[in-house]
């Protein structure tokens, strides 16, 4: 518990005949045990939760660690966002770093790309000429399902999520003030979801939750649904 940055990846997979809630309760117990075993935790430590389900376990870690909420956050949809940016960048012929797009909400089946906020070269992505004929929803679905495909082939995911964690750690250690879609406590709500956040030496310096005001009606509905789902889940923990 005396490390500057603590990355938690522990947890177990879903067993045959087991519900998602059963798995969540089991992994919540593992999370609480890990954090209890690290006490006392260094007051300035940053805890990054990678274990799944990421959002619910980030909430458990925040409640257990005794640290400011900004110092305990999840890897969220950093990897999901980069996968989708890469896929779309290849379709339109630019570098993935030139595509500004976040996948937000629950890290899981209900995550959604905030296409109304996406840009490339300062131009709204949906208005980019090269995007004509490209099915955004299909591309997002294919990117979101990559983890399932990888797990089916080798039983686990490792390299992609490891790369995403490196990006997050570098943002903290280097005080980069980089905007990343990490899992944080939703302002005025009793749950964690992925939102664009400024990440620096103090962990999550601030959540840019004002982006919600710029969502399309469909995106806002998905976001509200994710909040409702996650609040119901954490009430059962």
Protein backbone atom coordinates (compact mmCIF):
# COMPACT_ATOMS: atom_id res chain seq x y z
CA UNK A 1 0.00 0.00 0.00
CA UNK A 2 3.03 2.32 0.03
CA UNK A 3 3.52 2.41 -3.75
CA UNK A 4 2.90 5.63 -5.65
CA UNK A 5 0.72 3.85 -8.23
CA UNK A 6 -1.18 0.63 -7.53
CA UNK A 7 -2.70 -1.32 -10.44
CA UNK A 8 -5.28 -3.96 -9.50
CA UNK A 9 -6.04 -6.65 -12.08
CA UNK A 10 -7.12 -9.50 -9.77
CA UNK A 11 -10.45 -11.24 -10.20
CA UNK A 12 -11.91 -14.46 -11.52
CA UNK A 13 -13.87 -15.33 -14.62
CA UNK A 14 -17.52 -16.21 -14.87
CA UNK A 15 -18.35 -19.85 -14.15
CA UNK A 16 -20.87 -21.98 -15.97
CA UNK A 17 -24.41 -21.29 -14.75
CA UNK A 18 -23.31 -18.26 -12.79
CA UNK A 19 -25.06 -14.90 -13.14
CA UNK A 20 -23.21 -11.64 -13.74
CA UNK A 21 -24.27 -10.51 -10.28
CA UNK A 22 -22.79 -13.66 -8.72
CA UNK A 23 -19.50 -12.92 -10.45
CA UNK A 24 -19.63 -9.30 -9.36
CA UNK A 25 -20.20 -10.22 -5.72
CA UNK A 26 -17.27 -12.66 -5.83
CA UNK A 27 -14.92 -10.14 -7.41
CA UNK A 28 -16.11 -7.42 -5.04
CA UNK A 29 -15.06 -9.60 -2.13
CA UNK A 30 -11.66 -10.10 -3.79
CA UNK A 31 -11.31 -6.34 -4.29
CA UNK A 32 -12.17 -5.56 -0.67
CA UNK A 33 -9.71 -8.21 0.53
CA UNK A 34 -6.89 -6.80 -1.60
CA UNK A 35 -7.43 -3.26 -0.42
CA UNK A 36 -7.77 -4.34 3.23
CA UNK A 37 -4.47 -6.19 2.89
CA UNK A 38 -2.73 -3.04 1.63
CA UNK A 39 -3.76 -0.85 4.55
CA UNK A 40 -2.49 1.60 5.55
CA UNK A 41 -2.38 2.94 2.01
CA UNK A 42 -0.03 5.82 1.21
CA UNK A 43 -2.17 9.01 1.30
CA UNK A 44 -0.88 10.18 -2.09
CA UNK A 45 -1.20 6.78 -3.79
CA UNK A 46 -3.20 6.38 -6.99
CA UNK A 47 -5.16 3.14 -7.46
CA UNK A 48 -6.03 2.07 -11.01
CA UNK A 49 -8.67 -0.66 -11.21
CA UNK A 50 -8.44 -2.95 -14.24
CA UNK A 51 -10.41 -5.90 -12.87
CA UNK A 52 -13.80 -6.59 -14.43
CA UNK A 53 -16.54 -5.53 -14.24
CA UNK A 54 -14.43 -2.38 -14.13
CA UNK A 55 -17.01 0.27 -13.22
CA UNK A 56 -18.61 -1.61 -10.33
CA UNK A 57 -15.25 -2.68 -8.92
CA UNK A 58 -13.91 0.87 -9.21
CA UNK A 59 -16.85 1.94 -7.03
CA UNK A 60 -16.01 -0.80 -4.49
CA UNK A 61 -12.35 0.26 -4.46
CA UNK A 62 -13.30 3.91 -3.90
CA UNK A 63 -15.52 2.95 -0.99
CA UNK A 64 -12.83 0.73 0.57
CA UNK A 65 -9.56 2.58 0.04
CA UNK A 66 -10.14 5.67 2.17
CA UNK A 67 -8.55 7.91 -0.47
CA UNK A 68 -9.97 10.92 -2.35
CA UNK A 69 -12.18 9.70 -5.20
CA UNK A 70 -9.88 11.22 -7.83
CA UNK A 71 -7.05 8.96 -6.68
CA UNK A 72 -9.03 5.76 -7.25
CA UNK A 73 -10.26 5.23 -10.80
CA UNK A 74 -10.67 2.50 -13.40
CA UNK A 75 -9.10 1.86 -16.79
CA UNK A 76 -12.59 2.41 -18.18
CA UNK A 77 -12.92 2.63 -21.95
CA UNK A 78 -9.40 3.82 -22.78
CA UNK A 79 -8.68 0.66 -24.77
CA UNK A 80 -12.16 0.58 -26.36
CA UNK A 81 -11.75 4.17 -27.53
CA UNK A 82 -8.34 3.49 -29.05
CA UNK A 83 -9.57 0.39 -30.83
CA UNK A 84 -12.43 2.29 -32.44
CA UNK A 85 -10.22 5.27 -33.34
CA UNK A 86 -7.78 2.89 -35.01
CA UNK A 87 -10.51 1.11 -36.97
CA UNK A 88 -12.05 4.36 -38.24
CA UNK A 89 -8.64 5.91 -38.97
CA UNK A 90 -7.79 2.99 -41.24
CA UNK A 91 -11.06 3.45 -43.09
CA UNK A 92 -10.48 7.15 -43.80
CA UNK A 93 -6.71 7.03 -44.29
CA UNK A 94 -5.34 9.01 -41.35
CA UNK A 95 -3.30 8.26 -38.24
CA UNK A 96 -5.36 7.01 -35.26
CA UNK A 97 -3.97 9.92 -33.23
CA UNK A 98 -5.75 12.30 -35.63
CA UNK A 99 -9.17 10.89 -34.71
CA UNK A 100 -10.66 12.46 -31.58
CA UNK A 101 -13.35 10.06 -30.37
CA UNK A 102 -14.35 8.63 -26.99
CA UNK A 103 -16.28 5.49 -26.16
CA UNK A 104 -18.17 6.32 -22.95
CA UNK A 105 -20.58 4.89 -20.38
CA UNK A 106 -20.32 1.44 -18.84
CA UNK A 107 -17.25 -0.54 -19.82
CA UNK A 108 -19.13 -3.46 -21.30
CA UNK A 109 -22.09 -4.30 -23.49
CA UNK A 110 -23.83 -0.93 -23.04
CA UNK A 111 -20.84 1.29 -23.86
CA UNK A 112 -21.37 3.73 -26.72
CA UNK A 113 -19.21 5.92 -28.98
CA UNK A 114 -19.92 9.63 -28.57
CA UNK A 115 -20.03 10.18 -32.32
CA UNK A 116 -21.67 13.59 -31.99
CA UNK A 117 -18.45 14.84 -30.34
CA UNK A 118 -15.98 13.06 -32.64
CA UNK A 119 -13.68 15.07 -34.92
CA UNK A 120 -10.83 14.54 -37.37
CA UNK A 121 -8.71 17.51 -38.35
CA UNK A 122 -11.18 19.82 -36.63
CA UNK A 123 -14.06 18.55 -38.79
CA UNK A 124 -16.96 16.62 -37.21
CA UNK A 125 -16.25 12.98 -37.99
CA UNK A 126 -19.79 12.36 -39.20
CA UNK A 127 -19.35 15.13 -41.77
CA UNK A 128 -15.99 13.87 -43.04
CA UNK A 129 -16.28 13.04 -46.74
CA UNK A 130 -14.29 9.81 -46.35
CA UNK A 131 -16.84 8.52 -43.84
CA UNK A 132 -19.59 8.26 -46.42
CA UNK A 133 -20.93 4.74 -46.57
CA UNK A 134 -19.30 3.68 -43.29
CA UNK A 135 -21.66 2.24 -40.70
CA UNK A 136 -20.64 3.84 -37.37
CA UNK A 137 -22.74 1.45 -35.31
CA UNK A 138 -21.25 -1.59 -37.04
CA UNK A 139 -17.67 -0.34 -36.56
CA UNK A 140 -18.37 0.37 -32.88
CA UNK A 141 -19.91 -3.09 -32.42
CA UNK A 142 -16.93 -4.81 -34.05
CA UNK A 143 -14.46 -2.87 -31.89
CA UNK A 144 -16.43 -3.60 -28.72
CA UNK A 145 -16.51 -7.33 -29.47
CA UNK A 146 -12.75 -7.65 -30.01
CA UNK A 147 -12.19 -8.63 -26.39
CA UNK A 148 -14.66 -11.51 -26.71
CA UNK A 149 -12.90 -12.68 -29.87
CA UNK A 150 -9.49 -12.58 -28.19
CA UNK A 151 -10.76 -14.43 -25.10
CA UNK A 152 -12.33 -17.10 -27.31
CA UNK A 153 -9.00 -17.67 -29.07
CA UNK A 154 -6.53 -17.59 -26.17
CA UNK A 155 -8.65 -17.45 -23.01
CA UNK A 156 -7.75 -13.96 -21.83
CA UNK A 157 -6.76 -10.46 -22.91
CA UNK A 158 -3.38 -8.96 -22.04
CA UNK A 159 -1.41 -6.86 -24.50
CA UNK A 160 -4.08 -4.34 -25.47
CA UNK A 161 -5.18 -3.57 -21.93
CA UNK A 162 -1.54 -3.46 -20.79
CA UNK A 163 -0.82 -0.81 -23.39
CA UNK A 164 -3.84 1.19 -22.20
CA UNK A 165 -2.60 1.02 -18.59
CA UNK A 166 0.83 2.27 -19.70
CA UNK A 167 -0.86 5.31 -21.26
CA UNK A 168 -2.74 6.02 -18.02
CA UNK A 169 0.33 5.57 -15.81
CA UNK A 170 2.43 7.81 -18.06
CA UNK A 171 -0.27 10.49 -17.81
CA UNK A 172 -0.04 10.32 -14.01
CA UNK A 173 3.74 10.06 -13.62
CA UNK A 174 4.43 12.70 -16.26
CA UNK A 175 1.63 14.98 -15.03
CA UNK A 176 0.49 15.13 -18.66
CA UNK A 177 -3.00 16.49 -17.93
CA UNK A 178 -4.16 14.19 -20.71
CA UNK A 179 -7.87 13.73 -21.37
CA UNK A 180 -8.69 10.02 -21.12
CA UNK A 181 -12.01 8.14 -20.80
CA UNK A 182 -11.34 6.52 -17.42
CA UNK A 183 -13.94 5.17 -15.00
CA UNK A 184 -14.78 7.71 -12.30
CA UNK A 185 -17.55 8.53 -9.85
CA UNK A 186 -20.27 10.25 -11.87
CA UNK A 187 -20.91 13.70 -10.34
CA UNK A 188 -24.00 13.65 -8.09
CA UNK A 189 -24.56 9.93 -8.79
CA UNK A 190 -23.88 6.77 -6.82
CA UNK A 191 -21.91 4.88 -9.47
CA UNK A 192 -18.83 4.93 -11.69
CA UNK A 193 -18.76 5.19 -15.49
CA UNK A 194 -16.28 6.23 -18.15
CA UNK A 195 -16.21 9.97 -18.81
CA UNK A 196 -13.53 12.16 -20.42
CA UNK A 197 -11.21 13.10 -17.54
CA UNK A 198 -8.08 15.17 -17.14
CA UNK A 199 -5.45 12.75 -15.79
CA UNK A 200 -2.32 14.07 -14.10
CA UNK A 201 -0.07 13.75 -11.06
CA UNK A 202 -3.05 13.74 -8.67
CA UNK A 203 -4.88 11.04 -10.60
CA UNK A 204 -8.17 12.29 -12.03
CA UNK A 205 -7.76 16.03 -11.77
CA UNK A 206 -11.32 16.64 -12.97
CA UNK A 207 -14.07 14.94 -14.94
CA UNK A 208 -15.26 16.76 -18.06
CA UNK A 209 -18.86 15.75 -17.41
CA UNK A 210 -20.16 18.82 -19.27
CA UNK A 211 -19.78 16.76 -22.46
CA UNK A 212 -23.13 15.22 -21.56
CA UNK A 213 -24.77 18.53 -22.51
CA UNK A 214 -23.52 18.02 -26.08
CA UNK A 215 -24.69 14.43 -26.53
CA UNK A 216 -27.24 13.59 -29.18
CA UNK A 217 -30.62 12.49 -27.78
CA UNK A 218 -29.73 8.86 -28.51
CA UNK A 219 -26.37 9.15 -26.73
CA UNK A 220 -27.97 10.86 -23.74
CA UNK A 221 -30.52 8.05 -23.48
CA UNK A 222 -27.73 5.45 -23.50
CA UNK A 223 -25.77 7.41 -20.90
CA UNK A 224 -28.78 7.74 -18.60
CA UNK A 225 -29.52 4.04 -19.02
CA UNK A 226 -25.95 3.16 -18.05
CA UNK A 227 -26.21 5.28 -14.91
CA UNK A 228 -29.48 3.64 -13.90
CA UNK A 229 -28.07 0.16 -14.50
CA UNK A 230 -24.88 0.80 -12.54
CA UNK A 231 -26.66 2.44 -9.61
CA UNK A 232 -28.93 -0.61 -9.37
CA UNK A 233 -25.89 -2.91 -9.48
CA UNK A 234 -23.91 -1.16 -6.71
CA UNK A 235 -26.97 -1.18 -4.44
CA UNK A 236 -26.75 -4.97 -4.44
CA UNK A 237 -23.11 -5.13 -3.42
